[in-house]
């Protein structure tokens, strides 16, 4: 059975990337509410971390393979959500620790003519530790490239990403992201 799109909306895909306790999930959830309540956007949310962890821990798969497989599955979900025709924004939060993952999302967006925006959420390691209330927060972005500041919470932003420092309140981060989307991305929808 073919799904008929109700309109010509191509969702804006928003990737929120960052190390553990950088604020990805909290910012994502608040951003979704802000977009819905203030900008009247219909939104969907995908947690790449949760999605990937289920595949990896339940089946003990190799790390990089699971990350890349999660991209394949999530892009299928995006296509399906798009075919329903009623999502204007799809927010995906996760570590996105490998360059190949980001390249796959970029390639998918280009092929499918989706607007894609990547936000890199950053916070100092000490703040991330405080947020997690543990002293062993791992820097999960260590495999992205050899230049990043491992252990300092100062990852090198990936090309074409917008860096959001989450030292301030969640509300501040959300307003910065929403403002950027309004200026750059939603004009294209």
Protein backbone atom coordinates (compact mmCIF):
# COMPACT_ATOMS: atom_id res chain seq x y z
CA UNK A 1 0.00 0.00 0.00
CA UNK A 2 1.41 3.40 -0.97
CA UNK A 3 1.23 6.24 1.50
CA UNK A 4 -0.03 9.48 -0.01
CA UNK A 5 1.54 12.66 1.32
CA UNK A 6 -1.00 15.14 2.60
CA UNK A 7 1.10 18.13 1.51
CA UNK A 8 4.51 18.97 0.12
CA UNK A 9 6.28 19.49 3.43
CA UNK A 10 9.83 18.23 3.55
CA UNK A 11 10.84 18.10 7.19
CA UNK A 12 13.70 20.16 8.53
CA UNK A 13 16.14 17.68 10.07
CA UNK A 14 17.90 18.99 13.16
CA UNK A 15 20.83 16.99 14.58
CA UNK A 16 21.82 17.83 18.15
CA UNK A 17 25.26 16.42 18.76
CA UNK A 18 27.50 16.51 21.80
CA UNK A 19 29.36 14.64 24.49
CA UNK A 20 27.68 12.98 27.47
CA UNK A 21 25.87 15.48 29.71
CA UNK A 22 26.31 18.33 27.20
CA UNK A 23 22.55 18.80 27.40
CA UNK A 24 21.38 17.06 24.21
CA UNK A 25 18.24 15.41 25.57
CA UNK A 26 17.16 18.31 27.79
CA UNK A 27 17.68 20.81 24.96
CA UNK A 28 15.94 18.53 22.43
CA UNK A 29 12.82 18.12 24.56
CA UNK A 30 12.61 21.83 25.34
CA UNK A 31 13.28 22.71 21.69
CA UNK A 32 10.42 20.48 20.55
CA UNK A 33 8.02 22.22 22.95
CA UNK A 34 9.25 25.64 21.89
CA UNK A 35 8.84 24.86 18.18
CA UNK A 36 5.36 23.45 18.77
CA UNK A 37 4.06 26.14 21.12
CA UNK A 38 5.76 29.26 19.76
CA UNK A 39 6.36 28.52 16.09
CA UNK A 40 3.39 26.16 15.57
CA UNK A 41 5.59 23.48 13.99
CA UNK A 42 4.65 19.79 13.96
CA UNK A 43 7.67 17.95 15.28
CA UNK A 44 9.05 14.44 15.76
CA UNK A 45 11.87 13.34 18.04
CA UNK A 46 14.38 10.52 17.66
CA UNK A 47 17.00 9.71 20.29
CA UNK A 48 19.85 8.16 18.33
CA UNK A 49 21.59 7.27 21.59
CA UNK A 50 18.66 5.21 22.89
CA UNK A 51 18.05 3.69 19.47
CA UNK A 52 21.69 2.67 19.08
CA UNK A 53 22.13 1.45 22.65
CA UNK A 54 19.29 -1.04 22.25
CA UNK A 55 20.95 -2.48 19.15
CA UNK A 56 24.42 -2.47 20.65
CA UNK A 57 23.86 -3.71 24.19
CA UNK A 58 21.19 -6.28 23.44
CA UNK A 59 23.21 -7.86 20.67
CA UNK A 60 26.79 -6.93 21.58
CA UNK A 61 27.50 -5.56 18.13
CA UNK A 62 30.70 -3.73 17.22
CA UNK A 63 30.49 -0.02 18.08
CA UNK A 64 31.12 1.63 14.73
CA UNK A 65 28.92 -0.84 12.88
CA UNK A 66 26.02 -0.12 15.24
CA UNK A 67 26.46 3.62 14.81
CA UNK A 68 26.39 3.34 11.03
CA UNK A 69 23.45 0.93 11.09
CA UNK A 70 21.52 3.37 13.25
CA UNK A 71 21.93 5.99 10.51
CA UNK A 72 20.47 3.60 7.93
CA UNK A 73 17.48 2.80 10.11
CA UNK A 74 16.85 6.39 11.21
CA UNK A 75 16.97 7.68 7.63
CA UNK A 76 14.29 5.09 6.77
CA UNK A 77 12.20 6.38 9.65
CA UNK A 78 12.66 9.95 8.40
CA UNK A 79 11.45 8.92 4.94
CA UNK A 80 8.41 7.25 6.46
CA UNK A 81 7.61 10.28 8.63
CA UNK A 82 8.00 12.48 5.57
CA UNK A 83 5.61 10.31 3.59
CA UNK A 84 2.98 10.96 6.23
CA UNK A 85 3.31 14.61 5.31
CA UNK A 86 2.64 16.22 8.64
CA UNK A 87 6.07 16.69 10.25
CA UNK A 88 7.85 19.96 9.67
CA UNK A 89 10.79 19.32 12.00
CA UNK A 90 12.51 16.09 13.00
CA UNK A 91 14.94 16.52 15.88
CA UNK A 92 17.54 13.79 16.32
CA UNK A 93 19.83 13.90 19.32
CA UNK A 94 22.87 11.72 19.81
CA UNK A 95 26.59 11.39 20.13
CA UNK A 96 27.17 11.05 16.38
CA UNK A 97 30.70 10.02 17.20
CA UNK A 98 31.95 8.98 13.76
CA UNK A 99 32.53 11.24 10.76
CA UNK A 100 30.95 8.60 8.56
CA UNK A 101 27.66 9.03 10.44
CA UNK A 102 27.57 12.76 9.83
CA UNK A 103 28.56 12.24 6.19
CA UNK A 104 25.73 9.71 5.77
CA UNK A 105 23.19 12.17 7.19
CA UNK A 106 24.51 14.94 4.95
CA UNK A 107 24.40 12.70 1.90
CA UNK A 108 20.89 11.50 2.74
CA UNK A 109 19.64 15.07 3.21
CA UNK A 110 21.17 16.18 -0.07
CA UNK A 111 19.79 13.20 -2.04
CA UNK A 112 16.34 13.55 -0.48
CA UNK A 113 16.33 17.37 -0.63
CA UNK A 114 15.82 17.79 3.10
CA UNK A 115 17.11 20.79 4.98
CA UNK A 116 19.66 19.56 7.52
CA UNK A 117 21.12 21.58 10.36
CA UNK A 118 23.69 20.27 12.80
CA UNK A 119 24.12 21.82 16.21
CA UNK A 120 27.10 20.89 18.36
CA UNK A 121 26.29 21.26 22.05
CA UNK A 122 29.36 21.87 24.19
CA UNK A 123 30.02 22.27 27.89
CA UNK A 124 33.19 22.03 29.99
CA UNK A 125 33.94 18.59 31.44
CA UNK A 126 33.49 19.80 35.03
CA UNK A 127 29.99 21.05 34.28
CA UNK A 128 29.16 17.79 32.50
CA UNK A 129 30.38 15.84 35.53
CA UNK A 130 28.26 18.00 37.82
CA UNK A 131 25.21 17.47 35.62
CA UNK A 132 25.71 13.72 35.72
CA UNK A 133 26.62 13.80 39.41
CA UNK A 134 29.40 11.35 38.72
CA UNK A 135 33.11 11.79 38.27
CA UNK A 136 33.62 9.48 35.33
CA UNK A 137 31.83 11.12 32.41
CA UNK A 138 33.44 9.73 29.31
CA UNK A 139 34.11 11.89 26.32
CA UNK A 140 32.21 9.94 23.69
CA UNK A 141 33.47 11.97 20.77
CA UNK A 142 37.00 10.63 20.95
CA UNK A 143 36.82 8.78 17.64
CA UNK A 144 35.53 11.68 15.56
CA UNK A 145 38.98 12.95 14.75
CA UNK A 146 42.45 13.14 16.24
CA UNK A 147 42.34 16.88 16.91
CA UNK A 148 39.54 17.13 19.44
CA UNK A 149 40.17 18.01 23.07
CA UNK A 150 39.66 14.62 24.67
CA UNK A 151 38.79 14.80 28.35
CA UNK A 152 38.26 18.55 28.26
CA UNK A 153 34.76 18.61 26.85
CA UNK A 154 36.06 20.81 24.06
CA UNK A 155 35.31 18.81 20.94
CA UNK A 156 36.31 20.24 17.61
CA UNK A 157 33.02 21.19 15.91
CA UNK A 158 32.29 19.33 12.74
CA UNK A 159 32.17 21.23 9.49
CA UNK A 160 28.92 23.13 8.93
CA UNK A 161 27.77 22.77 12.53
CA UNK A 162 26.55 25.57 14.75
CA UNK A 163 28.18 25.48 18.18
CA UNK A 164 25.86 26.05 21.14
CA UNK A 165 27.52 26.45 24.52
CA UNK A 166 25.14 24.90 27.06
CA UNK A 167 26.74 26.55 30.08
CA UNK A 168 23.72 28.87 30.27
CA UNK A 169 20.18 27.70 30.90
CA UNK A 170 18.38 25.22 28.66
CA UNK A 171 16.01 28.01 27.71
CA UNK A 172 18.92 30.12 26.45
CA UNK A 173 20.22 27.25 24.30
CA UNK A 174 16.74 26.54 22.92
CA UNK A 175 16.16 30.17 21.98
CA UNK A 176 19.54 30.32 20.20
CA UNK A 177 18.74 27.19 18.19
CA UNK A 178 15.18 28.28 17.39
CA UNK A 179 16.39 31.71 16.34
CA UNK A 180 18.95 30.16 14.02
CA UNK A 181 16.34 27.82 12.52
CA UNK A 182 13.95 30.71 11.97
CA UNK A 183 16.60 32.77 10.21
CA UNK A 184 18.21 30.05 8.12
CA UNK A 185 16.20 26.90 7.78
CA UNK A 186 12.52 27.62 8.05
CA UNK A 187 12.80 30.19 5.26
CA UNK A 188 13.49 27.25 2.92
CA UNK A 189 10.47 25.17 3.97
